[in-house]
Amino acid sequence: MRFDVLTLFPEMFSGFLHSSIIKKAHEKGLVETHLINFRDYATDKHRMVDDMPYGGGGGMVLKPEPIFSAVDELLSGTDERPPILLMSPQGVPFTQKKAEELAQHSHLIFLCGHYEGYDERIRQHLVTEEISIGDYVLTGGELPAMVIMDSVSRLVPGVLGNESSAVTDSFSTGLLEYPQYTRPAEYRGFKVPDVLLSGHHARIEQWRRQESLRRTWERRPDLLETAPLTDEDRRFLQELAKDACQGE
């Protein structure tokens, strides 16, 4: 997986790229990241990348020329047309499903803006998709880009030590993940559920599935509307709802 990141503040990525799983992924050669300061593509003597908006108004708007030129150079000499992702609060919400879609590509380009916004021609004629990581406003697009890069990197084969981890994570199955426990079996009087100590794999899998359903039903019931559910899952959820009504 190759990430190209267009940013005015490449130094923001230093700690992110040199820590934890992302660092190991780069050391293994499974992921590579190129940071491009698009101010380098400004053509005037002051290296301006923004200007006042036509029609007036507060703030400054990113100019199209430096960003278009930076992308042109990245794509020169190749027929490849990777997704060009604009970090924007106006974009589609970032989800695990979107991460899985992006992980099918071998090359992603991120555009991280600052100031008041982007010249609309960047949105209309350059980027392929706008993505938002939440309904709030940040100073720039660097943090959203890091979030997406982290999420996508975990899906690259070989990045995680345990390949099943990405499959069982929250949202990967459409549900929240079941509770996890480790040694000791009892701590300060709090015990690990007996079923996890039983060695009975079928019972453990059933318990995990039911606890995943329970946690989703309690915390994110909206996910159940689209999650792939079996008849057994639906019966369990009906029992949860019935017990809740009786407890009121």
Protein backbone atom coordinates (compact mmCIF):
# COMPACT_ATOMS: atom_id res chain seq x y z
CA MET A 1 0.00 0.00 0.00
CA ARG A 2 1.33 3.43 -0.96
CA PHE A 3 0.05 6.61 0.65
CA ASP A 4 0.77 10.01 -0.91
CA VAL A 5 -0.22 12.85 1.41
CA LEU A 6 -0.50 16.43 0.21
CA THR A 7 -0.14 18.68 3.24
CA LEU A 8 1.21 22.04 4.32
CA PHE A 9 2.40 20.50 7.59
CA PRO A 10 4.29 17.26 6.87
CA GLU A 11 5.92 17.43 10.30
CA MET A 12 2.58 16.51 11.87
CA PHE A 13 2.99 12.95 10.58
CA SER A 14 6.36 12.29 12.22
CA GLY A 15 5.15 10.65 15.43
CA PHE A 16 2.37 8.79 13.66
CA LEU A 17 4.61 7.21 11.04
CA HIS A 18 7.35 6.25 13.50
CA SER A 19 5.27 4.51 16.14
CA SER A 20 3.55 1.21 16.80
CA ILE A 21 2.06 -0.94 14.02
CA ILE A 22 2.40 1.76 11.36
CA LYS A 23 6.15 1.95 11.97
CA LYS A 24 6.49 -1.83 11.70
CA ALA A 25 4.43 -1.89 8.50
CA HIS A 26 6.85 0.57 6.91
CA GLU A 27 9.89 -1.35 8.14
CA LYS A 28 8.49 -4.54 6.59
CA GLY A 29 7.93 -2.74 3.29
CA LEU A 30 4.19 -3.43 3.41
CA VAL A 31 3.28 0.26 3.50
CA GLU A 32 5.10 3.30 2.15
CA THR A 33 4.19 6.93 2.73
CA HIS A 34 5.27 10.00 0.80
CA LEU A 35 4.62 13.45 2.29
CA ILE A 36 4.28 16.23 -0.28
CA ASN A 37 4.19 19.85 0.79
CA PHE A 38 2.10 21.42 -1.94
CA ARG A 39 3.48 24.84 -1.07
CA ASP A 40 6.49 23.69 -3.09
CA TYR A 41 4.26 23.89 -6.17
CA ALA A 42 3.25 27.51 -5.69
CA THR A 43 4.58 29.65 -8.54
CA ASP A 44 4.64 33.18 -7.12
CA LYS A 45 7.60 34.60 -5.21
CA HIS A 46 5.72 34.46 -1.88
CA ARG A 47 4.72 30.79 -2.42
CA MET A 48 1.08 31.58 -1.75
CA VAL A 49 -1.27 28.60 -1.61
CA ASP A 50 -4.39 30.50 -0.54
CA ASP A 51 -6.21 33.69 -1.43
CA MET A 52 -9.31 35.70 -0.53
CA PRO A 53 -12.61 34.26 -1.77
CA TYR A 54 -14.36 35.82 -4.72
CA GLY A 55 -17.51 37.59 -3.58
CA GLY A 56 -16.03 38.45 -0.20
CA GLY A 57 -16.33 36.69 3.12
CA GLY A 58 -14.08 35.67 5.96
CA GLY A 59 -11.14 33.34 5.78
CA MET A 60 -8.86 32.24 2.98
CA VAL A 61 -9.41 29.64 0.27
CA LEU A 62 -6.85 27.18 -1.03
CA LYS A 63 -5.86 27.93 -4.61
CA PRO A 64 -6.22 25.24 -7.28
CA GLU A 65 -2.85 25.61 -9.06
CA PRO A 66 -0.44 24.19 -6.43
CA ILE A 67 -2.68 21.21 -5.65
CA PHE A 68 -3.39 20.33 -9.28
CA SER A 69 0.33 20.63 -10.09
CA ALA A 70 1.34 18.39 -7.19
CA VAL A 71 -1.11 15.67 -8.24
CA ASP A 72 -0.04 15.99 -11.90
CA GLU A 73 3.55 15.29 -10.92
CA LEU A 74 2.55 12.32 -8.77
CA LEU A 75 0.68 10.75 -11.67
CA SER A 76 3.07 11.69 -14.47
CA GLY A 77 4.41 8.78 -16.47
CA THR A 78 1.75 6.35 -15.32
CA ASP A 79 -1.73 5.36 -16.42
CA GLU A 80 -2.65 4.59 -12.83
CA ARG A 81 -5.47 6.67 -11.43
CA PRO A 82 -5.64 6.00 -7.68
CA PRO A 83 -8.39 7.42 -5.48
CA ILE A 84 -7.73 11.05 -4.60
CA LEU A 85 -9.33 11.61 -1.22
CA LEU A 86 -10.25 15.05 0.06
CA MET A 87 -10.48 15.35 3.85
CA SER A 88 -13.64 17.38 4.36
CA PRO A 89 -16.51 17.67 6.89
CA GLN A 90 -18.78 17.68 3.82
CA GLY A 91 -17.62 14.21 2.78
CA VAL A 92 -19.18 10.79 3.21
CA PRO A 93 -18.79 9.40 6.74
CA PHE A 94 -15.75 7.18 7.19
CA THR A 95 -16.72 3.65 8.25
CA GLN A 96 -15.09 0.24 8.48
CA LYS A 97 -16.79 -0.64 5.21
CA LYS A 98 -15.18 2.37 3.55
CA ALA A 99 -11.80 1.33 4.99
CA GLU A 100 -12.24 -2.12 3.47
CA GLU A 101 -13.10 -0.57 0.10
CA LEU A 102 -10.01 1.66 0.16
CA ALA A 103 -7.81 -1.27 1.18
CA GLN A 104 -8.59 -2.92 -2.16
CA HIS A 105 -6.40 -0.28 -3.82
CA SER A 106 -2.60 -0.30 -3.74
CA HIS A 107 -2.24 3.48 -3.90
CA LEU A 108 -4.18 6.28 -2.20
CA ILE A 109 -3.67 10.05 -2.42
CA PHE A 110 -4.80 12.22 0.49
CA LEU A 111 -5.45 15.94 0.23
CA CYS A 112 -5.23 17.75 3.57
CA GLY A 113 -6.44 21.31 3.50
CA HIS A 114 -6.32 24.24 5.91
CA TYR A 115 -7.85 27.69 6.15
CA GLU A 116 -11.45 28.38 5.16
CA GLY A 117 -11.81 25.79 2.43
CA TYR A 118 -10.91 24.65 -1.07
CA ASP A 119 -11.45 26.27 -4.43
CA GLU A 120 -14.48 24.38 -5.74
CA ARG A 121 -12.61 23.33 -8.89
CA ILE A 122 -10.48 21.07 -6.69
CA ARG A 123 -13.63 19.27 -5.56
CA GLN A 124 -15.20 19.10 -8.99
CA HIS A 125 -12.30 18.26 -11.26
CA LEU A 126 -9.52 16.66 -9.21
CA VAL A 127 -10.61 14.62 -6.20
CA THR A 128 -12.51 11.37 -6.60
CA GLU A 129 -14.11 11.35 -3.17
CA GLU A 130 -14.57 13.51 -0.08
CA ILE A 131 -14.41 11.78 3.30
CA SER A 132 -15.35 12.97 6.78
CA ILE A 133 -14.35 11.27 10.03
CA GLY A 134 -17.13 12.94 12.03
CA ASP A 135 -19.54 15.81 12.43
CA TYR A 136 -17.11 18.31 13.87
CA VAL A 137 -14.57 20.81 12.57
CA LEU A 138 -10.79 20.38 12.83
CA THR A 139 -7.97 22.78 12.07
CA GLY A 140 -6.94 20.80 9.00
CA GLY A 141 -7.12 17.50 7.18
CA GLU A 142 -3.99 15.93 8.65
CA LEU A 143 -5.65 14.18 11.59
CA PRO A 144 -8.45 12.69 9.43
CA ALA A 145 -5.83 11.45 6.95
CA MET A 146 -3.93 9.73 9.77
CA VAL A 147 -7.12 8.10 11.02
CA ILE A 148 -7.89 6.69 7.58
CA MET A 149 -4.29 5.63 6.93
CA ASP A 150 -4.20 3.78 10.26
CA SER A 151 -7.50 2.03 9.62
CA VAL A 152 -6.62 1.02 6.06
CA SER A 153 -3.09 -0.11 6.98
CA ARG A 154 -4.47 -2.66 9.43
CA LEU A 155 -6.20 -4.36 6.52
CA VAL A 156 -3.05 -4.77 4.43
CA PRO A 157 -2.03 -8.46 4.57
CA GLY A 158 0.90 -8.99 6.91
CA VAL A 159 0.58 -5.73 8.83
CA LEU A 160 -1.12 -7.26 11.86
CA GLY A 161 0.62 -10.08 13.68
CA ASN A 162 -2.69 -11.94 13.98
CA GLU A 163 -4.56 -11.79 10.68
CA SER A 164 -7.85 -12.69 12.41
CA SER A 165 -7.72 -9.50 14.50
CA ALA A 166 -8.96 -7.29 11.67
CA VAL A 167 -11.78 -9.73 10.95
CA THR A 168 -13.13 -9.82 14.51
CA ASP A 169 -12.68 -6.13 15.36
CA SER A 170 -15.71 -3.99 16.12
CA PHE A 171 -17.60 -3.03 12.93
CA SER A 172 -15.82 -5.60 10.75
CA THR A 173 -18.68 -8.04 11.30
CA GLY A 174 -21.30 -5.30 11.38
CA LEU A 175 -21.43 -5.61 15.18
CA LEU A 176 -19.43 -4.37 18.15
CA GLU A 177 -16.74 -6.75 19.39
CA TYR A 178 -17.44 -9.12 22.27
CA PRO A 179 -15.75 -8.64 25.70
CA GLN A 180 -12.14 -9.83 25.98
CA TYR A 181 -10.33 -11.23 29.04
CA THR A 182 -6.82 -12.42 29.86
CA ARG A 183 -4.89 -13.75 32.88
CA PRO A 184 -5.39 -13.83 35.82
CA ALA A 185 -8.68 -15.73 35.87
CA GLU A 186 -9.66 -13.80 39.02
CA TYR A 187 -8.56 -10.30 39.99
CA ARG A 188 -9.78 -8.42 43.06
CA GLY A 189 -12.73 -10.77 43.20
CA PHE A 190 -13.69 -10.17 39.55
CA LYS A 191 -13.78 -13.43 37.64
CA VAL A 192 -13.47 -14.31 33.97
CA PRO A 193 -16.70 -15.94 32.67
CA ASP A 194 -16.56 -19.70 33.19
CA VAL A 195 -17.33 -20.45 29.55
CA LEU A 196 -14.02 -18.90 28.45
CA LEU A 197 -12.14 -21.28 30.75
CA SER A 198 -14.08 -24.35 29.64
CA GLY A 199 -12.04 -25.20 26.54
CA HIS A 200 -15.34 -25.90 24.74
CA HIS A 201 -14.80 -24.02 21.48
CA ALA A 202 -18.37 -24.21 20.21
CA ARG A 203 -19.74 -22.82 23.47
CA ILE A 204 -17.11 -20.10 23.49
CA GLU A 205 -18.00 -19.04 19.94
CA GLN A 206 -21.71 -18.98 20.83
CA TRP A 207 -21.00 -16.89 23.95
CA ARG A 208 -18.88 -14.44 21.95
CA ARG A 209 -21.52 -14.06 19.28
CA GLN A 210 -24.25 -13.46 21.84
CA GLU A 211 -22.15 -10.98 23.80
CA SER A 212 -21.34 -9.16 20.57
CA LEU A 213 -25.06 -8.96 19.83
CA ARG A 214 -25.81 -7.85 23.40
CA ARG A 215 -23.19 -5.10 23.36
CA THR A 216 -24.38 -3.83 19.97
CA TRP A 217 -28.03 -3.92 21.11
CA GLU A 218 -27.14 -1.91 24.24
CA ARG A 219 -24.72 0.60 22.74
CA ARG A 220 -25.28 0.86 18.98
CA PRO A 221 -28.70 -0.59 18.11
CA ASP A 222 -28.59 1.28 14.80
CA LEU A 223 -25.96 -1.20 13.57
CA LEU A 224 -28.40 -4.07 13.89
CA GLU A 225 -30.48 -2.64 11.05
CA THR A 226 -27.81 -3.55 8.50
CA ALA A 227 -25.79 -6.27 10.24
CA PRO A 228 -25.99 -9.78 8.72
CA LEU A 229 -28.05 -11.71 11.30
CA THR A 230 -29.00 -15.38 11.49
CA ASP A 231 -32.30 -16.69 12.74
CA GLU A 232 -30.55 -17.65 15.97
CA ASP A 233 -29.24 -14.09 16.30
CA ARG A 234 -32.73 -12.68 15.90
CA ARG A 235 -34.14 -15.05 18.52
CA PHE A 236 -31.44 -13.97 20.96
CA LEU A 237 -32.19 -10.29 20.33
CA GLN A 238 -35.89 -10.93 20.86
CA GLU A 239 -35.06 -12.48 24.22
CA LEU A 240 -32.99 -9.44 25.14
CA ALA A 241 -35.86 -7.13 24.25
CA LYS A 242 -38.33 -9.30 26.16
CA ASP A 243 -36.14 -9.35 29.28
CA ALA A 244 -35.71 -5.58 29.07
CA CYS A 245 -39.47 -5.03 28.92
CA GLN A 246 -40.04 -7.31 31.90
CA GLY A 247 -37.40 -5.48 33.88
CA GLU A 248 -39.04 -2.08 33.43
